[in-house]
């Protein structure tokens, strides 16, 4: 069942979204060679709790971290660890969320660790553009397939893979609500979008094959060919005035964060 939010509820969700984005920016400020993913995780947990919220991911389905920290060929759900030390040239997707006043904010960004090669930068830039294209398609009267098609068409036009096994989702009092928000599809197909729907759009794009596997830890998803992946996500509300990004900075436009920005 899709839970439709009232305008007041959407306004209430903005606080959780802004805190989630602030946590994500904090991660970006920490990312550099020599930092462990556990250090990032612990810092963001303290930051979220300091602001009166709960880390949404921690304990969710048994996940041990506040963030999913996915490096290079890891697509999503990387487990923070003191054994994972960031290296010059890596890319890392940080996916995190905060639950504040009963509402969830969920967002992700792929950051550069030092200097990154041009091919990987291009992948990240296109994936970021895929997120923007998906958001632009999230208007009343369109369908979920319009969002997926916007992402898929752009990614595949650059020769990239679009992950099928993991998708976006509705967001509300819990992190995962109906509907599924796929990053592939056909225009005019799927659930019709209506005012009050709140969804997480999160393109997961790969440099090579879209085929992927889950590691033995039961969480971390990696590309089958070992090539890099990128992942960007915002929680958005569908309104009569167009899509509203709930995981937005309290100051500044949502699109100001660049890959690797510190």
C-alpha atoms as a PDB file:
ATOM      1  CA  UNK A   1       0.000   0.000   0.000  1.00  0.00           C
ATOM      2  CA  UNK A   2       1.284   3.441  -0.934  1.00  0.00           C
ATOM      3  CA  UNK A   3       1.037   5.939   1.925  1.00  0.00           C
ATOM      4  CA  UNK A   4       0.052   9.388   0.684  1.00  0.00           C
ATOM      5  CA  UNK A   5       1.395  12.239   2.800  1.00  0.00           C
ATOM      6  CA  UNK A   6      -0.422  15.471   3.527  1.00  0.00           C
ATOM      7  CA  UNK A   7       1.255  18.805   2.808  1.00  0.00           C
ATOM      8  CA  UNK A   8       1.830  19.182   6.563  1.00  0.00           C
ATOM      9  CA  UNK A   9       3.481  15.761   6.773  1.00  0.00           C
ATOM     10  CA  UNK A  10       5.741  16.615   3.851  1.00  0.00           C
ATOM     11  CA  UNK A  11       6.806  19.770   5.667  1.00  0.00           C
ATOM     12  CA  UNK A  12       7.549  17.707   8.774  1.00  0.00           C
ATOM     13  CA  UNK A  13       9.697  15.318   6.737  1.00  0.00           C
ATOM     14  CA  UNK A  14      12.014  18.136   5.647  1.00  0.00           C
ATOM     15  CA  UNK A  15      13.754  18.224   9.044  1.00  0.00           C
ATOM     16  CA  UNK A  16      14.761  14.561   8.826  1.00  0.00           C
ATOM     17  CA  UNK A  17      15.815  15.090   5.235  1.00  0.00           C
ATOM     18  CA  UNK A  18      17.957  18.118   6.032  1.00  0.00           C
ATOM     19  CA  UNK A  19      19.686  16.271   8.868  1.00  0.00           C
ATOM     20  CA  UNK A  20      20.374  13.307   6.594  1.00  0.00           C
ATOM     21  CA  UNK A  21      21.936  15.631   4.029  1.00  0.00           C
ATOM     22  CA  UNK A  22      23.993  17.356   6.718  1.00  0.00           C
ATOM     23  CA  UNK A  23      25.296  13.952   7.821  1.00  0.00           C
ATOM     24  CA  UNK A  24      26.183  13.134   4.230  1.00  0.00           C
ATOM     25  CA  UNK A  25      28.119  16.379   3.910  1.00  0.00           C
ATOM     26  CA  UNK A  26      29.954  15.554   7.129  1.00  0.00           C
ATOM     27  CA  UNK A  27      31.015  12.275   5.532  1.00  0.00           C
ATOM     28  CA  UNK A  28      32.278  14.159   2.488  1.00  0.00           C
ATOM     29  CA  UNK A  29      34.414  16.382   4.682  1.00  0.00           C
ATOM     30  CA  UNK A  30      36.069  13.327   6.235  1.00  0.00           C
ATOM     31  CA  UNK A  31      36.840  11.405   3.066  1.00  0.00           C
ATOM     32  CA  UNK A  32      40.541  11.293   2.229  1.00  0.00           C
ATOM     33  CA  UNK A  33      43.251   8.658   1.853  1.00  0.00           C
ATOM     34  CA  UNK A  34      43.983   6.850   5.116  1.00  0.00           C
ATOM     35  CA  UNK A  35      40.531   7.237   6.670  1.00  0.00           C
ATOM     36  CA  UNK A  36      38.651   4.045   7.533  1.00  0.00           C
ATOM     37  CA  UNK A  37      35.001   3.534   6.754  1.00  0.00           C
ATOM     38  CA  UNK A  38      34.397   2.762  10.433  1.00  0.00           C
ATOM     39  CA  UNK A  39      35.690   6.228  11.381  1.00  0.00           C
ATOM     40  CA  UNK A  40      33.141   7.766   9.017  1.00  0.00           C
ATOM     41  CA  UNK A  41      30.401   5.573  10.426  1.00  0.00           C
ATOM     42  CA  UNK A  42      31.135   6.431  14.041  1.00  0.00           C
ATOM     43  CA  UNK A  43      31.326  10.149  13.313  1.00  0.00           C
ATOM     44  CA  UNK A  44      27.981  10.174  11.528  1.00  0.00           C
ATOM     45  CA  UNK A  45      26.283   8.159  14.249  1.00  0.00           C
ATOM     46  CA  UNK A  46      27.445  10.670  16.867  1.00  0.00           C
ATOM     47  CA  UNK A  47      26.385  13.580  14.647  1.00  0.00           C
ATOM     48  CA  UNK A  48      22.881  12.210  14.040  1.00  0.00           C
ATOM     49  CA  UNK A  49      22.315  11.394  17.711  1.00  0.00           C
ATOM     50  CA  UNK A  50      23.662  14.791  18.784  1.00  0.00           C
ATOM     51  CA  UNK A  51      20.843  16.379  16.807  1.00  0.00           C
ATOM     52  CA  UNK A  52      18.129  14.348  18.528  1.00  0.00           C
ATOM     53  CA  UNK A  53      17.665  11.750  15.823  1.00  0.00           C
ATOM     54  CA  UNK A  54      18.292   8.030  15.421  1.00  0.00           C
ATOM     55  CA  UNK A  55      20.497   6.515  12.683  1.00  0.00           C
ATOM     56  CA  UNK A  56      17.891   4.867  10.454  1.00  0.00           C
ATOM     57  CA  UNK A  57      20.181   2.186   9.095  1.00  0.00           C
ATOM     58  CA  UNK A  58      21.656   0.937  12.366  1.00  0.00           C
ATOM     59  CA  UNK A  59      20.060  -2.393  13.220  1.00  0.00           C
ATOM     60  CA  UNK A  60      17.730  -2.226  10.203  1.00  0.00           C
ATOM     61  CA  UNK A  61      17.309  -5.858   9.199  1.00  0.00           C
ATOM     62  CA  UNK A  62      20.396  -6.530  11.279  1.00  0.00           C
ATOM     63  CA  UNK A  63      22.665  -4.086   9.439  1.00  0.00           C
ATOM     64  CA  UNK A  64      25.482  -3.109  11.833  1.00  0.00           C
ATOM     65  CA  UNK A  65      26.283   0.413  10.662  1.00  0.00           C
ATOM     66  CA  UNK A  66      24.934   3.949  10.556  1.00  0.00           C
ATOM     67  CA  UNK A  67      26.122   4.215   6.946  1.00  0.00           C
ATOM     68  CA  UNK A  68      26.501   1.922   3.999  1.00  0.00           C
ATOM     69  CA  UNK A  69      30.072   2.562   2.824  1.00  0.00           C
ATOM     70  CA  UNK A  70      30.584   1.010  -0.610  1.00  0.00           C
ATOM     71  CA  UNK A  71      34.011   1.343  -2.228  1.00  0.00           C
ATOM     72  CA  UNK A  72      34.819   1.039  -5.962  1.00  0.00           C
ATOM     73  CA  UNK A  73      33.134  -2.137  -7.312  1.00  0.00           C
ATOM     74  CA  UNK A  74      30.816  -2.260  -4.298  1.00  0.00           C
ATOM     75  CA  UNK A  75      27.431  -0.962  -5.428  1.00  0.00           C
ATOM     76  CA  UNK A  76      25.530  -0.715  -2.133  1.00  0.00           C
ATOM     77  CA  UNK A  77      25.408  -2.001   1.459  1.00  0.00           C
ATOM     78  CA  UNK A  78      29.120  -1.931   2.204  1.00  0.00           C
ATOM     79  CA  UNK A  79      29.641  -2.617   5.916  1.00  0.00           C
ATOM     80  CA  UNK A  80      31.781  -0.002   7.729  1.00  0.00           C
ATOM     81  CA  UNK A  81      35.027  -1.515   8.966  1.00  0.00           C
ATOM     82  CA  UNK A  82      38.314  -0.531  10.531  1.00  0.00           C
ATOM     83  CA  UNK A  83      39.914  -2.841   7.988  1.00  0.00           C
ATOM     84  CA  UNK A  84      38.683  -0.773   5.010  1.00  0.00           C
ATOM     85  CA  UNK A  85      41.162   2.078   4.597  1.00  0.00           C
ATOM     86  CA  UNK A  86      40.430   4.557   1.819  1.00  0.00           C
ATOM     87  CA  UNK A  87      43.116   4.818  -0.861  1.00  0.00           C
ATOM     88  CA  UNK A  88      43.997   7.549  -3.328  1.00  0.00           C
ATOM     89  CA  UNK A  89      41.856   7.104  -6.441  1.00  0.00           C
ATOM     90  CA  UNK A  90      39.006   5.220  -4.769  1.00  0.00           C
ATOM     91  CA  UNK A  91      35.384   6.219  -5.047  1.00  0.00           C
ATOM     92  CA  UNK A  92      33.044   5.586  -2.136  1.00  0.00           C
ATOM     93  CA  UNK A  93      29.269   5.675  -1.953  1.00  0.00           C
ATOM     94  CA  UNK A  94      27.993   6.801   1.428  1.00  0.00           C
ATOM     95  CA  UNK A  95      24.328   5.990   1.981  1.00  0.00           C
ATOM     96  CA  UNK A  96      22.808   7.115   5.262  1.00  0.00           C
ATOM     97  CA  UNK A  97      19.585   8.189   6.885  1.00  0.00           C
ATOM     98  CA  UNK A  98      18.232   9.851   9.990  1.00  0.00           C
ATOM     99  CA  UNK A  99      14.907   9.280  11.720  1.00  0.00           C
ATOM    100  CA  UNK A 100      13.727  12.488  13.360  1.00  0.00           C
ATOM    101  CA  UNK A 101      10.334  13.074  14.981  1.00  0.00           C
ATOM    102  CA  UNK A 102       9.126   9.797  13.516  1.00  0.00           C
ATOM    103  CA  UNK A 103      10.066  10.588   9.906  1.00  0.00           C
ATOM    104  CA  UNK A 104      12.900   9.187   7.794  1.00  0.00           C
ATOM    105  CA  UNK A 105      15.333  10.996   5.516  1.00  0.00           C
ATOM    106  CA  UNK A 106      17.384   8.763   3.183  1.00  0.00           C
ATOM    107  CA  UNK A 107      20.156   9.870   0.838  1.00  0.00           C
ATOM    108  CA  UNK A 108      23.430   8.794  -0.773  1.00  0.00           C
ATOM    109  CA  UNK A 109      26.370  10.294  -2.639  1.00  0.00           C
ATOM    110  CA  UNK A 110      29.477   8.934  -4.324  1.00  0.00           C
ATOM    111  CA  UNK A 111      32.634  10.780  -3.292  1.00  0.00           C
ATOM    112  CA  UNK A 112      36.134  10.864  -4.745  1.00  0.00           C
ATOM    113  CA  UNK A 113      39.078   9.887  -2.564  1.00  0.00           C
ATOM    114  CA  UNK A 114      41.835  12.234  -3.681  1.00  0.00           C
ATOM    115  CA  UNK A 115      42.438  12.250  -7.430  1.00  0.00           C
ATOM    116  CA  UNK A 116      40.232   9.866  -9.400  1.00  0.00           C
ATOM    117  CA  UNK A 117      40.759   8.739 -13.003  1.00  0.00           C
ATOM    118  CA  UNK A 118      38.706  10.420 -15.712  1.00  0.00           C
ATOM    119  CA  UNK A 119      36.710   7.303 -16.650  1.00  0.00           C
ATOM    120  CA  UNK A 120      35.456   6.916 -13.097  1.00  0.00           C
ATOM    121  CA  UNK A 121      34.715  10.629 -12.801  1.00  0.00           C
ATOM    122  CA  UNK A 122      32.622  10.400 -15.966  1.00  0.00           C
ATOM    123  CA  UNK A 123      30.644   7.496 -14.494  1.00  0.00           C
ATOM    124  CA  UNK A 124      29.922   9.522 -11.364  1.00  0.00           C
ATOM    125  CA  UNK A 125      28.913  12.608 -13.320  1.00  0.00           C
ATOM    126  CA  UNK A 126      26.485  10.681 -15.508  1.00  0.00           C
ATOM    127  CA  UNK A 127      25.021   8.887 -12.484  1.00  0.00           C
ATOM    128  CA  UNK A 128      24.479  12.244 -10.805  1.00  0.00           C
ATOM    129  CA  UNK A 129      22.729  13.436 -13.968  1.00  0.00           C
ATOM    130  CA  UNK A 130      20.607  10.273 -13.900  1.00  0.00           C
ATOM    131  CA  UNK A 131      19.416  11.239 -10.426  1.00  0.00           C
ATOM    132  CA  UNK A 132      18.481  14.674 -11.681  1.00  0.00           C
ATOM    133  CA  UNK A 133      16.661  13.200 -14.694  1.00  0.00           C
ATOM    134  CA  UNK A 134      14.733  10.805 -12.474  1.00  0.00           C
ATOM    135  CA  UNK A 135      13.701  13.611 -10.155  1.00  0.00           C
ATOM    136  CA  UNK A 136      12.547  15.772 -13.059  1.00  0.00           C
ATOM    137  CA  UNK A 137      10.254  12.938 -14.185  1.00  0.00           C
ATOM    138  CA  UNK A 138       8.626  12.672 -10.742  1.00  0.00           C
ATOM    139  CA  UNK A 139       5.546  14.804 -11.394  1.00  0.00           C
ATOM    140  CA  UNK A 140       1.842  14.076 -10.922  1.00  0.00           C
ATOM    141  CA  UNK A 141       0.371  12.268 -13.903  1.00  0.00           C
ATOM    142  CA  UNK A 142       3.598  10.562 -14.881  1.00  0.00           C
ATOM    143  CA  UNK A 143       4.254   6.935 -14.008  1.00  0.00           C
ATOM    144  CA  UNK A 144       6.995   5.110 -12.146  1.00  0.00           C
ATOM    145  CA  UNK A 145       8.128   3.859 -15.543  1.00  0.00           C
ATOM    146  CA  UNK A 146       8.855   7.451 -16.582  1.00  0.00           C
ATOM    147  CA  UNK A 147      11.350   7.771 -13.724  1.00  0.00           C
ATOM    148  CA  UNK A 148      13.011   4.471 -14.551  1.00  0.00           C
ATOM    149  CA  UNK A 149      13.143   5.232 -18.264  1.00  0.00           C
ATOM    150  CA  UNK A 150      14.709   8.649 -17.662  1.00  0.00           C
ATOM    151  CA  UNK A 151      17.494   7.042 -15.621  1.00  0.00           C
ATOM    152  CA  UNK A 152      17.992   4.062 -17.923  1.00  0.00           C
ATOM    153  CA  UNK A 153      18.022   5.995 -21.185  1.00  0.00           C
ATOM    154  CA  UNK A 154      20.643   8.440 -19.970  1.00  0.00           C
ATOM    155  CA  UNK A 155      22.907   5.801 -18.415  1.00  0.00           C
ATOM    156  CA  UNK A 156      22.751   3.411 -21.343  1.00  0.00           C
ATOM    157  CA  UNK A 157      23.337   6.217 -23.858  1.00  0.00           C
ATOM    158  CA  UNK A 158      26.794   6.489 -22.273  1.00  0.00           C
ATOM    159  CA  UNK A 159      27.367   2.747 -22.367  1.00  0.00           C
ATOM    160  CA  UNK A 160      26.841   2.162 -18.643  1.00  0.00           C
ATOM    161  CA  UNK A 161      24.960  -0.603 -16.857  1.00  0.00           C
ATOM    162  CA  UNK A 162      21.798  -0.024 -14.822  1.00  0.00           C
ATOM    163  CA  UNK A 163      21.464  -2.265 -11.765  1.00  0.00           C
ATOM    164  CA  UNK A 164      18.241  -4.281 -11.782  1.00  0.00           C
ATOM    165  CA  UNK A 165      18.441  -6.170  -8.501  1.00  0.00           C
ATOM    166  CA  UNK A 166      18.245  -3.145  -6.177  1.00  0.00           C
ATOM    167  CA  UNK A 167      15.829  -0.230  -6.480  1.00  0.00           C
ATOM    168  CA  UNK A 168      14.510   2.932  -4.882  1.00  0.00           C
ATOM    169  CA  UNK A 169      11.439   2.932  -2.660  1.00  0.00           C
ATOM    170  CA  UNK A 170       8.778   4.857  -0.827  1.00  0.00           C
ATOM    171  CA  UNK A 171       9.812   6.680   2.356  1.00  0.00           C
ATOM    172  CA  UNK A 172       7.822   7.713   5.413  1.00  0.00           C
ATOM    173  CA  UNK A 173       7.738   6.588   9.032  1.00  0.00           C
ATOM    174  CA  UNK A 174       9.937   3.688   7.942  1.00  0.00           C
ATOM    175  CA  UNK A 175      12.765   3.633   5.435  1.00  0.00           C
ATOM    176  CA  UNK A 176      11.238   1.226   2.934  1.00  0.00           C
ATOM    177  CA  UNK A 177       7.615   1.744   1.944  1.00  0.00           C
ATOM    178  CA  UNK A 178       5.744   0.978  -1.247  1.00  0.00           C
ATOM    179  CA  UNK A 179       6.250   1.497  -4.126  1.00  0.00           C
ATOM    180  CA  UNK A 180       9.466   0.129  -5.598  1.00  0.00           C
ATOM    181  CA  UNK A 181      11.170   2.809  -7.713  1.00  0.00           C
ATOM    182  CA  UNK A 182      13.160   1.061 -10.416  1.00  0.00           C
ATOM    183  CA  UNK A 183      15.995   2.675 -12.331  1.00  0.00           C
ATOM    184  CA  UNK A 184      14.819   1.087 -15.562  1.00  0.00           C
ATOM    185  CA  UNK A 185      11.475   0.783 -17.299  1.00  0.00           C
ATOM    186  CA  UNK A 186       9.199   2.065 -20.004  1.00  0.00           C
ATOM    187  CA  UNK A 187       7.502   5.413 -20.146  1.00  0.00           C
ATOM    188  CA  UNK A 188       3.821   5.405 -19.279  1.00  0.00           C
ATOM    189  CA  UNK A 189       4.065   2.099 -17.405  1.00  0.00           C
ATOM    190  CA  UNK A 190       3.687   1.322 -13.714  1.00  0.00           C
ATOM    191  CA  UNK A 191       1.969   3.127 -10.865  1.00  0.00           C
ATOM    192  CA  UNK A 192       0.657   6.589 -11.710  1.00  0.00           C
ATOM    193  CA  UNK A 193       2.372   9.288  -9.680  1.00  0.00           C
ATOM    194  CA  UNK A 194       0.174  11.481  -7.521  1.00  0.00           C
ATOM    195  CA  UNK A 195       0.549  14.380  -5.145  1.00  0.00           C
ATOM    196  CA  UNK A 196       1.647  13.316  -1.686  1.00  0.00           C
ATOM    197  CA  UNK A 197       3.788  10.372  -2.710  1.00  0.00           C
ATOM    198  CA  UNK A 198       7.270  10.426  -1.117  1.00  0.00           C
ATOM    199  CA  UNK A 199       9.927   8.291  -2.760  1.00  0.00           C
ATOM    200  CA  UNK A 200      13.664   7.731  -2.743  1.00  0.00           C
ATOM    201  CA  UNK A 201      15.140   7.865  -6.227  1.00  0.00           C
ATOM    202  CA  UNK A 202      18.568   6.237  -6.256  1.00  0.00           C
ATOM    203  CA  UNK A 203      20.325   5.392  -9.514  1.00  0.00           C
ATOM    204  CA  UNK A 204      22.927   2.629  -9.153  1.00  0.00           C
ATOM    205  CA  UNK A 205      25.000   2.718 -12.328  1.00  0.00           C
ATOM    206  CA  UNK A 206      27.984   0.571 -13.299  1.00  0.00           C
ATOM    207  CA  UNK A 207      30.910   1.072 -15.640  1.00  0.00           C
ATOM    208  CA  UNK A 208      30.395  -2.387 -17.134  1.00  0.00           C
ATOM    209  CA  UNK A 209      27.835  -5.113 -16.536  1.00  0.00           C
ATOM    210  CA  UNK A 210      24.777  -4.491 -14.421  1.00  0.00           C
ATOM    211  CA  UNK A 211      25.024  -8.056 -13.109  1.00  0.00           C
ATOM    212  CA  UNK A 212      25.904  -8.146  -9.426  1.00  0.00           C
ATOM    213  CA  UNK A 213      26.348 -10.482  -6.473  1.00  0.00           C
ATOM    214  CA  UNK A 214      26.085 -10.304  -2.693  1.00  0.00           C
ATOM    215  CA  UNK A 215      29.236 -11.109  -0.720  1.00  0.00           C
ATOM    216  CA  UNK A 216      29.370 -13.778   1.969  1.00  0.00           C
ATOM    217  CA  UNK A 217      28.654 -11.171   4.654  1.00  0.00           C
ATOM    218  CA  UNK A 218      25.078 -11.165   3.364  1.00  0.00           C
ATOM    219  CA  UNK A 219      25.018  -7.423   2.693  1.00  0.00           C
ATOM    220  CA  UNK A 220      27.643  -5.984   0.374  1.00  0.00           C
ATOM    221  CA  UNK A 221      26.668  -5.951  -3.310  1.00  0.00           C
ATOM    222  CA  UNK A 222      29.471  -5.938  -5.891  1.00  0.00           C
ATOM    223  CA  UNK A 223      29.649  -5.787  -9.682  1.00  0.00           C
ATOM    224  CA  UNK A 224      30.309  -9.178 -11.231  1.00  0.00           C
ATOM    225  CA  UNK A 225      33.051  -7.787 -13.492  1.00  0.00           C
ATOM    226  CA  UNK A 226      34.842  -5.900 -10.713  1.00  0.00           C
ATOM    227  CA  UNK A 227      34.409  -2.532 -12.430  1.00  0.00           C
ATOM    228  CA  UNK A 228      33.389   0.574 -10.445  1.00  0.00           C
ATOM    229  CA  UNK A 229      29.826   1.613  -9.638  1.00  0.00           C
ATOM    230  CA  UNK A 230      28.276   4.920  -8.591  1.00  0.00           C
ATOM    231  CA  UNK A 231      25.209   5.580  -6.441  1.00  0.00           C
ATOM    232  CA  UNK A 232      23.299   8.799  -5.740  1.00  0.00           C
ATOM    233  CA  UNK A 233      20.012   9.219  -3.891  1.00  0.00           C
ATOM    234  CA  UNK A 234      17.545  11.826  -2.700  1.00  0.00           C
ATOM    235  CA  UNK A 235      14.198  11.535  -0.952  1.00  0.00           C
ATOM    236  CA  UNK A 236      11.612  13.571  -2.841  1.00  0.00           C
ATOM    237  CA  UNK A 237       7.958  14.507  -2.484  1.00  0.00           C
ATOM    238  CA  UNK A 238       5.667  14.660  -5.492  1.00  0.00           C
ATOM    239  CA  UNK A 239       3.634  17.868  -5.388  1.00  0.00           C
ATOM    240  CA  UNK A 240       1.447  19.955  -7.670  1.00  0.00           C
ATOM    241  CA  UNK A 241       4.360  22.373  -8.011  1.00  0.00           C
ATOM    242  CA  UNK A 242       6.778  19.643  -9.062  1.00  0.00           C
ATOM    243  CA  UNK A 243       9.199  17.413  -7.191  1.00  0.00           C
ATOM    244  CA  UNK A 244      10.411  18.722  -3.836  1.00  0.00           C
ATOM    245  CA  UNK A 245      13.741  17.365  -2.571  1.00  0.00           C
ATOM    246  CA  UNK A 246      13.329  16.599   1.126  1.00  0.00           C
ATOM    247  CA  UNK A 247      16.967  15.584   1.650  1.00  0.00           C
ATOM    248  CA  UNK A 248      18.076  19.094   0.808  1.00  0.00           C
ATOM    249  CA  UNK A 249      20.517  21.439   2.461  1.00  0.00           C
ATOM    250  CA  UNK A 250      18.901  23.794   4.903  1.00  0.00           C
ATOM    251  CA  UNK A 251      20.826  26.407   2.933  1.00  0.00           C
ATOM    252  CA  UNK A 252      21.789  26.049  -0.711  1.00  0.00           C
ATOM    253  CA  UNK A 253      20.474  24.046  -3.674  1.00  0.00           C
ATOM    254  CA  UNK A 254      20.348  20.253  -3.615  1.00  0.00           C
ATOM    255  CA  UNK A 255      22.602  19.920  -6.648  1.00  0.00           C
ATOM    256  CA  UNK A 256      25.530  21.841  -5.147  1.00  0.00           C
ATOM    257  CA  UNK A 257      27.267  18.718  -3.817  1.00  0.00           C
ATOM    258  CA  UNK A 258      29.852  17.480  -6.275  1.00  0.00           C
ATOM    259  CA  UNK A 259      31.498  14.082  -6.374  1.00  0.00           C
ATOM    260  CA  UNK A 260      34.467  14.190  -4.054  1.00  0.00           C
ATOM    261  CA  UNK A 261      33.499  17.513  -2.526  1.00  0.00           C
ATOM    262  CA  UNK A 262      35.027  18.041   0.922  1.00  0.00           C
END
